[in-house]
């Protein structure tokens, strides 16, 4: 495995962990801060490409959409 591939795999793993944490803490103040920071940093370091960045940001949006949907139907 190349160094570039290892860095990519590490970044994707880190982002996925932060997205899982976001899913557990959504609704709390700054819940998405770590996930969005991890995505931004990985993109800035060029270990994920633009399409991956968009996909990860879409997952953040999906987590919030699911949360908002579940809270609006409960009200």
PDB file of N, CA and C in Angstrom:
ATOM      1  N   UNK A   1       0.850  -1.176   0.000  1.00  0.00           N
ATOM      2  CA  UNK A   1       0.000   0.000   0.000  1.00  0.00           C
ATOM      3  C   UNK A   1       0.897   1.242   0.000  1.00  0.00           C
ATOM      4  N   UNK A   2       0.552   2.173  -0.846  1.00  0.00           N
ATOM      5  CA  UNK A   2       1.336   3.407  -0.934  1.00  0.00           C
ATOM      6  C   UNK A   2       1.024   4.315   0.255  1.00  0.00           C
ATOM      7  N   UNK A   3       1.917   5.248   0.481  1.00  0.00           N
ATOM      8  CA  UNK A   3       1.732   6.233   1.548  1.00  0.00           C
ATOM      9  C   UNK A   3       0.472   7.058   1.296  1.00  0.00           C
ATOM     10  N   UNK A   4       0.248   7.411   0.041  1.00  0.00           N
ATOM     11  CA  UNK A   4      -0.945   8.183  -0.313  1.00  0.00           C
ATOM     12  C   UNK A   4      -2.223   7.400  -0.006  1.00  0.00           C
ATOM     13  N   UNK A   5      -2.244   6.130  -0.333  1.00  0.00           N
ATOM     14  CA  UNK A   5      -3.417   5.292  -0.060  1.00  0.00           C
ATOM     15  C   UNK A   5      -3.625   5.124   1.438  1.00  0.00           C
ATOM     16  N   UNK A   6      -2.546   4.953   2.171  1.00  0.00           N
ATOM     17  CA  UNK A   6      -2.649   4.823   3.624  1.00  0.00           C
ATOM     18  C   UNK A   6      -3.215   6.097   4.242  1.00  0.00           C
ATOM     19  N   UNK A   7      -2.730   7.253   3.796  1.00  0.00           N
ATOM     20  CA  UNK A   7      -3.244   8.528   4.305  1.00  0.00           C
ATOM     21  C   UNK A   7      -4.727   8.683   3.976  1.00  0.00           C
ATOM     22  N   UNK A   8      -5.114   8.293   2.778  1.00  0.00           N
ATOM     23  CA  UNK A   8      -6.517   8.358   2.376  1.00  0.00           C
ATOM     24  C   UNK A   8      -7.360   7.462   3.269  1.00  0.00           C
ATOM     25  N   UNK A   9      -6.927   6.228   3.456  1.00  0.00           N
ATOM     26  CA  UNK A   9      -7.683   5.288   4.288  1.00  0.00           C
ATOM     27  C   UNK A   9      -7.795   5.780   5.724  1.00  0.00           C
ATOM     28  N   UNK A  10      -6.718   6.359   6.240  1.00  0.00           N
ATOM     29  CA  UNK A  10      -6.733   6.904   7.601  1.00  0.00           C
ATOM     30  C   UNK A  10      -7.731   8.045   7.710  1.00  0.00           C
ATOM     31  N   UNK A  11      -7.709   8.956   6.738  1.00  0.00           N
ATOM     32  CA  UNK A  11      -8.623  10.104   6.758  1.00  0.00           C
ATOM     33  C   UNK A  11     -10.077   9.656   6.650  1.00  0.00           C
ATOM     34  N   UNK A  12     -10.353   8.723   5.756  1.00  0.00           N
ATOM     35  CA  UNK A  12     -11.724   8.235   5.590  1.00  0.00           C
ATOM     36  C   UNK A  12     -12.203   7.553   6.869  1.00  0.00           C
ATOM     37  N   UNK A  13     -11.338   6.781   7.488  1.00  0.00           N
ATOM     38  CA  UNK A  13     -11.701   6.147   8.753  1.00  0.00           C
ATOM     39  C   UNK A  13     -11.998   7.172   9.831  1.00  0.00           C
ATOM     40  N   UNK A  14     -11.166   8.180   9.924  1.00  0.00           N
ATOM     41  CA  UNK A  14     -11.339   9.248  10.911  1.00  0.00           C
ATOM     42  C   UNK A  14     -12.656   9.990  10.655  1.00  0.00           C
ATOM     43  N   UNK A  15     -12.933  10.318   9.419  1.00  0.00           N
ATOM     44  CA  UNK A  15     -14.174  11.010   9.082  1.00  0.00           C
ATOM     45  C   UNK A  15     -15.383  10.146   9.422  1.00  0.00           C
ATOM     46  N   UNK A  16     -15.319   8.872   9.099  1.00  0.00           N
ATOM     47  CA  UNK A  16     -16.444   7.977   9.408  1.00  0.00           C
ATOM     48  C   UNK A  16     -16.704   7.879  10.906  1.00  0.00           C
ATOM     49  N   UNK A  17     -15.660   7.855  11.714  1.00  0.00           N
ATOM     50  CA  UNK A  17     -15.830   7.843  13.171  1.00  0.00           C
ATOM     51  C   UNK A  17     -16.511   9.132  13.621  1.00  0.00           C
ATOM     52  N   UNK A  18     -16.080  10.254  13.073  1.00  0.00           N
ATOM     53  CA  UNK A  18     -16.686  11.530  13.453  1.00  0.00           C
ATOM     54  C   UNK A  18     -18.143  11.615  12.991  1.00  0.00           C
ATOM     55  N   UNK A  19     -18.462  11.032  11.841  1.00  0.00           N
ATOM     56  CA  UNK A  19     -19.851  11.014  11.392  1.00  0.00           C
ATOM     57  C   UNK A  19     -20.713  10.134  12.295  1.00  0.00           C
ATOM     58  N   UNK A  20     -20.163   9.030  12.766  1.00  0.00           N
ATOM     59  CA  UNK A  20     -20.893   8.177  13.717  1.00  0.00           C
ATOM     60  C   UNK A  20     -21.148   8.927  15.022  1.00  0.00           C
ATOM     61  N   UNK A  21     -20.160   9.665  15.472  1.00  0.00           N
ATOM     62  CA  UNK A  21     -20.319  10.470  16.693  1.00  0.00           C
ATOM     63  C   UNK A  21     -21.367  11.556  16.469  1.00  0.00           C
ATOM     64  N   UNK A  22     -21.357  12.175  15.310  1.00  0.00           N
ATOM     65  CA  UNK A  22     -22.376  13.176  14.985  1.00  0.00           C
ATOM     66  C   UNK A  22     -23.765  12.558  15.046  1.00  0.00           C
ATOM     67  N   UNK A  23     -23.919  11.374  14.488  1.00  0.00           N
ATOM     68  CA  UNK A  23     -25.227  10.710  14.496  1.00  0.00           C
ATOM     69  C   UNK A  23     -25.705  10.459  15.931  1.00  0.00           C
ATOM     70  N   UNK A  24     -24.768  10.195  16.843  1.00  0.00           N
ATOM     71  CA  UNK A  24     -25.136   9.963  18.250  1.00  0.00           C
ATOM     72  C   UNK A  24     -25.442  11.258  18.994  1.00  0.00           C
ATOM     73  N   UNK A  25     -24.801  12.369  18.584  1.00  0.00           N
ATOM     74  CA  UNK A  25     -24.931  13.606  19.349  1.00  0.00           C
ATOM     75  C   UNK A  25     -25.701  14.697  18.608  1.00  0.00           C
ATOM     76  N   UNK A  26     -26.282  14.365  17.464  1.00  0.00           N
ATOM     77  CA  UNK A  26     -26.999  15.376  16.694  1.00  0.00           C
ATOM     78  C   UNK A  26     -28.071  16.008  17.570  1.00  0.00           C
ATOM     79  N   UNK A  27     -28.183  17.315  17.444  1.00  0.00           N
ATOM     80  CA  UNK A  27     -29.127  18.058  18.262  1.00  0.00           C
ATOM     81  C   UNK A  27     -28.446  18.810  19.388  1.00  0.00           C
ATOM     82  N   UNK A  28     -27.255  18.378  19.746  1.00  0.00           N
ATOM     83  CA  UNK A  28     -26.486  19.094  20.763  1.00  0.00           C
ATOM     84  C   UNK A  28     -25.705  20.218  20.099  1.00  0.00           C
ATOM     85  N   UNK A  29     -25.330  21.203  20.890  1.00  0.00           N
ATOM     86  CA  UNK A  29     -24.586  22.339  20.368  1.00  0.00           C
ATOM     87  C   UNK A  29     -23.258  21.873  19.757  1.00  0.00           C
ATOM     88  N   UNK A  30     -22.935  22.362  18.586  1.00  0.00           N
ATOM     89  CA  UNK A  30     -21.685  22.072  17.865  1.00  0.00           C
ATOM     90  C   UNK A  30     -21.485  20.592  17.569  1.00  0.00           C
ATOM     91  N   UNK A  31     -22.556  19.849  17.423  1.00  0.00           N
ATOM     92  CA  UNK A  31     -22.458  18.409  17.196  1.00  0.00           C
ATOM     93  C   UNK A  31     -21.677  18.078  15.926  1.00  0.00           C
ATOM     94  N   UNK A  32     -21.785  18.906  14.919  1.00  0.00           N
ATOM     95  CA  UNK A  32     -21.130  18.597  13.649  1.00  0.00           C
ATOM     96  C   UNK A  32     -19.727  19.181  13.532  1.00  0.00           C
ATOM     97  N   UNK A  33     -19.254  19.862  14.544  1.00  0.00           N
ATOM     98  CA  UNK A  33     -17.969  20.560  14.436  1.00  0.00           C
ATOM     99  C   UNK A  33     -16.810  19.619  14.115  1.00  0.00           C
ATOM    100  N   UNK A  34     -16.697  18.515  14.827  1.00  0.00           N
ATOM    101  CA  UNK A  34     -15.575  17.603  14.596  1.00  0.00           C
ATOM    102  C   UNK A  34     -15.663  16.957  13.221  1.00  0.00           C
ATOM    103  N   UNK A  35     -16.863  16.563  12.815  1.00  0.00           N
ATOM    104  CA  UNK A  35     -17.024  15.913  11.509  1.00  0.00           C
ATOM    105  C   UNK A  35     -16.695  16.883  10.378  1.00  0.00           C
ATOM    106  N   UNK A  36     -17.228  18.089  10.439  1.00  0.00           N
ATOM    107  CA  UNK A  36     -16.955  19.039   9.363  1.00  0.00           C
ATOM    108  C   UNK A  36     -15.494  19.467   9.360  1.00  0.00           C
ATOM    109  N   UNK A  37     -14.883  19.575  10.529  1.00  0.00           N
ATOM    110  CA  UNK A  37     -13.458  19.904  10.589  1.00  0.00           C
ATOM    111  C   UNK A  37     -12.607  18.795   9.993  1.00  0.00           C
ATOM    112  N   UNK A  38     -12.949  17.544  10.293  1.00  0.00           N
ATOM    113  CA  UNK A  38     -12.202  16.414   9.742  1.00  0.00           C
ATOM    114  C   UNK A  38     -12.321  16.379   8.221  1.00  0.00           C
ATOM    115  N   UNK A  39     -13.509  16.637   7.714  1.00  0.00           N
ATOM    116  CA  UNK A  39     -13.720  16.651   6.264  1.00  0.00           C
ATOM    117  C   UNK A  39     -12.909  17.763   5.623  1.00  0.00           C
ATOM    118  N   UNK A  40     -12.985  18.948   6.191  1.00  0.00           N
ATOM    119  CA  UNK A  40     -12.261  20.094   5.643  1.00  0.00           C
ATOM    120  C   UNK A  40     -10.758  19.865   5.681  1.00  0.00           C
ATOM    121  N   UNK A  41     -10.257  19.384   6.799  1.00  0.00           N
ATOM    122  CA  UNK A  41      -8.818  19.147   6.920  1.00  0.00           C
ATOM    123  C   UNK A  41      -8.338  18.097   5.926  1.00  0.00           C
ATOM    124  N   UNK A  42      -9.070  17.012   5.806  1.00  0.00           N
ATOM    125  CA  UNK A  42      -8.683  15.958   4.865  1.00  0.00           C
ATOM    126  C   UNK A  42      -8.665  16.491   3.438  1.00  0.00           C
ATOM    127  N   UNK A  43      -9.620  17.341   3.099  1.00  0.00           N
ATOM    128  CA  UNK A  43      -9.657  17.922   1.762  1.00  0.00           C
ATOM    129  C   UNK A  43      -8.495  18.893   1.560  1.00  0.00           C
ATOM    130  N   UNK A  44      -8.243  19.726   2.551  1.00  0.00           N
ATOM    131  CA  UNK A  44      -7.142  20.685   2.446  1.00  0.00           C
ATOM    132  C   UNK A  44      -5.786  19.982   2.329  1.00  0.00           C
ATOM    133  N   UNK A  45      -5.639  18.855   2.981  1.00  0.00           N
ATOM    134  CA  UNK A  45      -4.396  18.090   2.898  1.00  0.00           C
ATOM    135  C   UNK A  45      -4.349  17.215   1.648  1.00  0.00           C
ATOM    136  N   UNK A  46      -5.414  17.266   0.857  1.00  0.00           N
ATOM    137  CA  UNK A  46      -5.524  16.542  -0.406  1.00  0.00           C
ATOM    138  C   UNK A  46      -5.459  15.023  -0.252  1.00  0.00           C
ATOM    139  N   UNK A  47      -6.021  14.537   0.857  1.00  0.00           N
ATOM    140  CA  UNK A  47      -6.106  13.085   1.028  1.00  0.00           C
ATOM    141  C   UNK A  47      -7.489  12.565   0.646  1.00  0.00           C
ATOM    142  N   UNK A  48      -8.450  13.481   0.476  1.00  0.00           N
ATOM    143  CA  UNK A  48      -9.730  13.136  -0.148  1.00  0.00           C
ATOM    144  C   UNK A  48      -9.935  14.128  -1.279  1.00  0.00           C
ATOM    145  N   UNK A  49     -10.638  13.685  -2.305  1.00  0.00           N
ATOM    146  CA  UNK A  49     -10.869  14.582  -3.441  1.00  0.00           C
ATOM    147  C   UNK A  49     -12.195  15.323  -3.274  1.00  0.00           C
ATOM    148  N   UNK A  50     -12.480  16.180  -4.225  1.00  0.00           N
ATOM    149  CA  UNK A  50     -13.669  17.027  -4.132  1.00  0.00           C
ATOM    150  C   UNK A  50     -14.966  16.224  -4.100  1.00  0.00           C
ATOM    151  N   UNK A  51     -15.037  15.158  -4.876  1.00  0.00           N
ATOM    152  CA  UNK A  51     -16.266  14.351  -4.880  1.00  0.00           C
ATOM    153  C   UNK A  51     -16.456  13.646  -3.534  1.00  0.00           C
ATOM    154  N   UNK A  52     -15.369  13.199  -2.930  1.00  0.00           N
ATOM    155  CA  UNK A  52     -15.483  12.586  -1.598  1.00  0.00           C
ATOM    156  C   UNK A  52     -15.892  13.631  -0.569  1.00  0.00           C
ATOM    157  N   UNK A  53     -15.335  14.827  -0.680  1.00  0.00           N
ATOM    158  CA  UNK A  53     -15.706  15.892   0.239  1.00  0.00           C
ATOM    159  C   UNK A  53     -17.204  16.179   0.141  1.00  0.00           C
ATOM    160  N   UNK A  54     -17.711  16.275  -1.073  1.00  0.00           N
ATOM    161  CA  UNK A  54     -19.146  16.525  -1.257  1.00  0.00           C
ATOM    162  C   UNK A  54     -19.982  15.384  -0.679  1.00  0.00           C
ATOM    163  N   UNK A  55     -19.525  14.161  -0.885  1.00  0.00           N
ATOM    164  CA  UNK A  55     -20.269  13.004  -0.371  1.00  0.00           C
ATOM    165  C   UNK A  55     -20.303  13.007   1.159  1.00  0.00           C
ATOM    166  N   UNK A  56     -19.184  13.317   1.788  1.00  0.00           N
ATOM    167  CA  UNK A  56     -19.159  13.363   3.250  1.00  0.00           C
ATOM    168  C   UNK A  56     -20.031  14.503   3.777  1.00  0.00           C
ATOM    169  N   UNK A  57     -19.980  15.652   3.124  1.00  0.00           N
ATOM    170  CA  UNK A  57     -20.823  16.770   3.554  1.00  0.00           C
ATOM    171  C   UNK A  57     -22.304  16.437   3.358  1.00  0.00           C
ATOM    172  N   UNK A  58     -22.613  15.690   2.321  1.00  0.00           N
ATOM    173  CA  UNK A  58     -23.994  15.250   2.111  1.00  0.00           C
ATOM    174  C   UNK A  58     -24.432  14.320   3.232  1.00  0.00           C
ATOM    175  N   UNK A  59     -23.519  13.488   3.729  1.00  0.00           N
ATOM    176  CA  UNK A  59     -23.861  12.619   4.862  1.00  0.00           C
ATOM    177  C   UNK A  59     -24.162  13.445   6.107  1.00  0.00           C
ATOM    178  N   UNK A  60     -23.412  14.517   6.335  1.00  0.00           N
ATOM    179  CA  UNK A  60     -23.701  15.412   7.464  1.00  0.00           C
ATOM    180  C   UNK A  60     -25.111  15.982   7.278  1.00  0.00           C
ATOM    181  N   UNK A  61     -25.415  16.454   6.080  1.00  0.00           N
ATOM    182  CA  UNK A  61     -26.747  17.002   5.799  1.00  0.00           C
ATOM    183  C   UNK A  61     -27.835  15.948   6.004  1.00  0.00           C
ATOM    184  N   UNK A  62     -27.567  14.711   5.587  1.00  0.00           N
ATOM    185  CA  UNK A  62     -28.539  13.626   5.758  1.00  0.00           C
ATOM    186  C   UNK A  62     -28.797  13.322   7.225  1.00  0.00           C
ATOM    187  N   UNK A  63     -27.739  13.362   8.028  1.00  0.00           N
ATOM    188  CA  UNK A  63     -27.896  13.116   9.470  1.00  0.00           C
ATOM    189  C   UNK A  63     -28.810  14.181  10.069  1.00  0.00           C
ATOM    190  N   UNK A  64     -28.571  15.436   9.714  1.00  0.00           N
ATOM    191  CA  UNK A  64     -29.418  16.516  10.225  1.00  0.00           C
ATOM    192  C   UNK A  64     -30.836  16.423   9.679  1.00  0.00           C
ATOM    193  N   UNK A  65     -30.984  16.061   8.423  1.00  0.00           N
ATOM    194  CA  UNK A  65     -32.326  15.937   7.843  1.00  0.00           C
ATOM    195  C   UNK A  65     -33.118  14.844   8.555  1.00  0.00           C
ATOM    196  N   UNK A  66     -32.480  13.721   8.827  1.00  0.00           N
ATOM    197  CA  UNK A  66     -33.155  12.632   9.548  1.00  0.00           C
ATOM    198  C   UNK A  66     -33.544  13.068  10.953  1.00  0.00           C
ATOM    199  N   UNK A  67     -32.636  13.772  11.601  1.00  0.00           N
ATOM    200  CA  UNK A  67     -32.900  14.257  12.951  1.00  0.00           C
ATOM    201  C   UNK A  67     -34.076  15.236  12.941  1.00  0.00           C
ATOM    202  N   UNK A  68     -34.036  16.188  12.023  1.00  0.00           N
ATOM    203  CA  UNK A  68     -35.104  17.190  11.947  1.00  0.00           C
ATOM    204  C   UNK A  68     -36.448  16.541  11.580  1.00  0.00           C
ATOM    205  N   UNK A  69     -36.412  15.564  10.696  1.00  0.00           N
ATOM    206  CA  UNK A  69     -37.627  14.863  10.313  1.00  0.00           C
ATOM    207  C   UNK A  69     -38.226  14.115  11.504  1.00  0.00           C
ATOM    208  N   UNK A  70     -37.384  13.442  12.265  1.00  0.00           N
ATOM    209  CA  UNK A  70     -37.894  12.668  13.403  1.00  0.00           C
ATOM    210  C   UNK A  70     -38.450  13.585  14.484  1.00  0.00           C
ATOM    211  N   UNK A  71     -37.874  14.778  14.619  1.00  0.00           N
ATOM    212  CA  UNK A  71     -38.370  15.709  15.632  1.00  0.00           C
ATOM    213  C   UNK A  71     -39.605  16.476  15.171  1.00  0.00           C
ATOM    214  N   UNK A  72     -39.761  16.669  13.877  1.00  0.00           N
ATOM    215  CA  UNK A  72     -40.937  17.391  13.407  1.00  0.00           C
ATOM    216  C   UNK A  72     -42.161  16.473  13.400  1.00  0.00           C
ATOM    217  N   UNK A  73     -41.979  15.179  13.175  1.00  0.00           N
ATOM    218  CA  UNK A  73     -43.110  14.255  13.192  1.00  0.00           C
ATOM    219  C   UNK A  73     -43.518  13.914  14.622  1.00  0.00           C
ATOM    220  N   UNK A  74     -42.599  14.056  15.569  1.00  0.00           N
ATOM    221  CA  UNK A  74     -42.908  13.757  16.957  1.00  0.00           C
ATOM    222  C   UNK A  74     -43.689  14.907  17.598  1.00  0.00           C
ATOM    223  N   UNK A  75     -43.596  16.078  17.019  1.00  0.00           N
ATOM    224  CA  UNK A  75     -44.244  17.258  17.622  1.00  0.00           C
ATOM    225  C   UNK A  75     -45.697  17.348  17.311  1.00  0.00           C
TER     226      UNK A  75
END
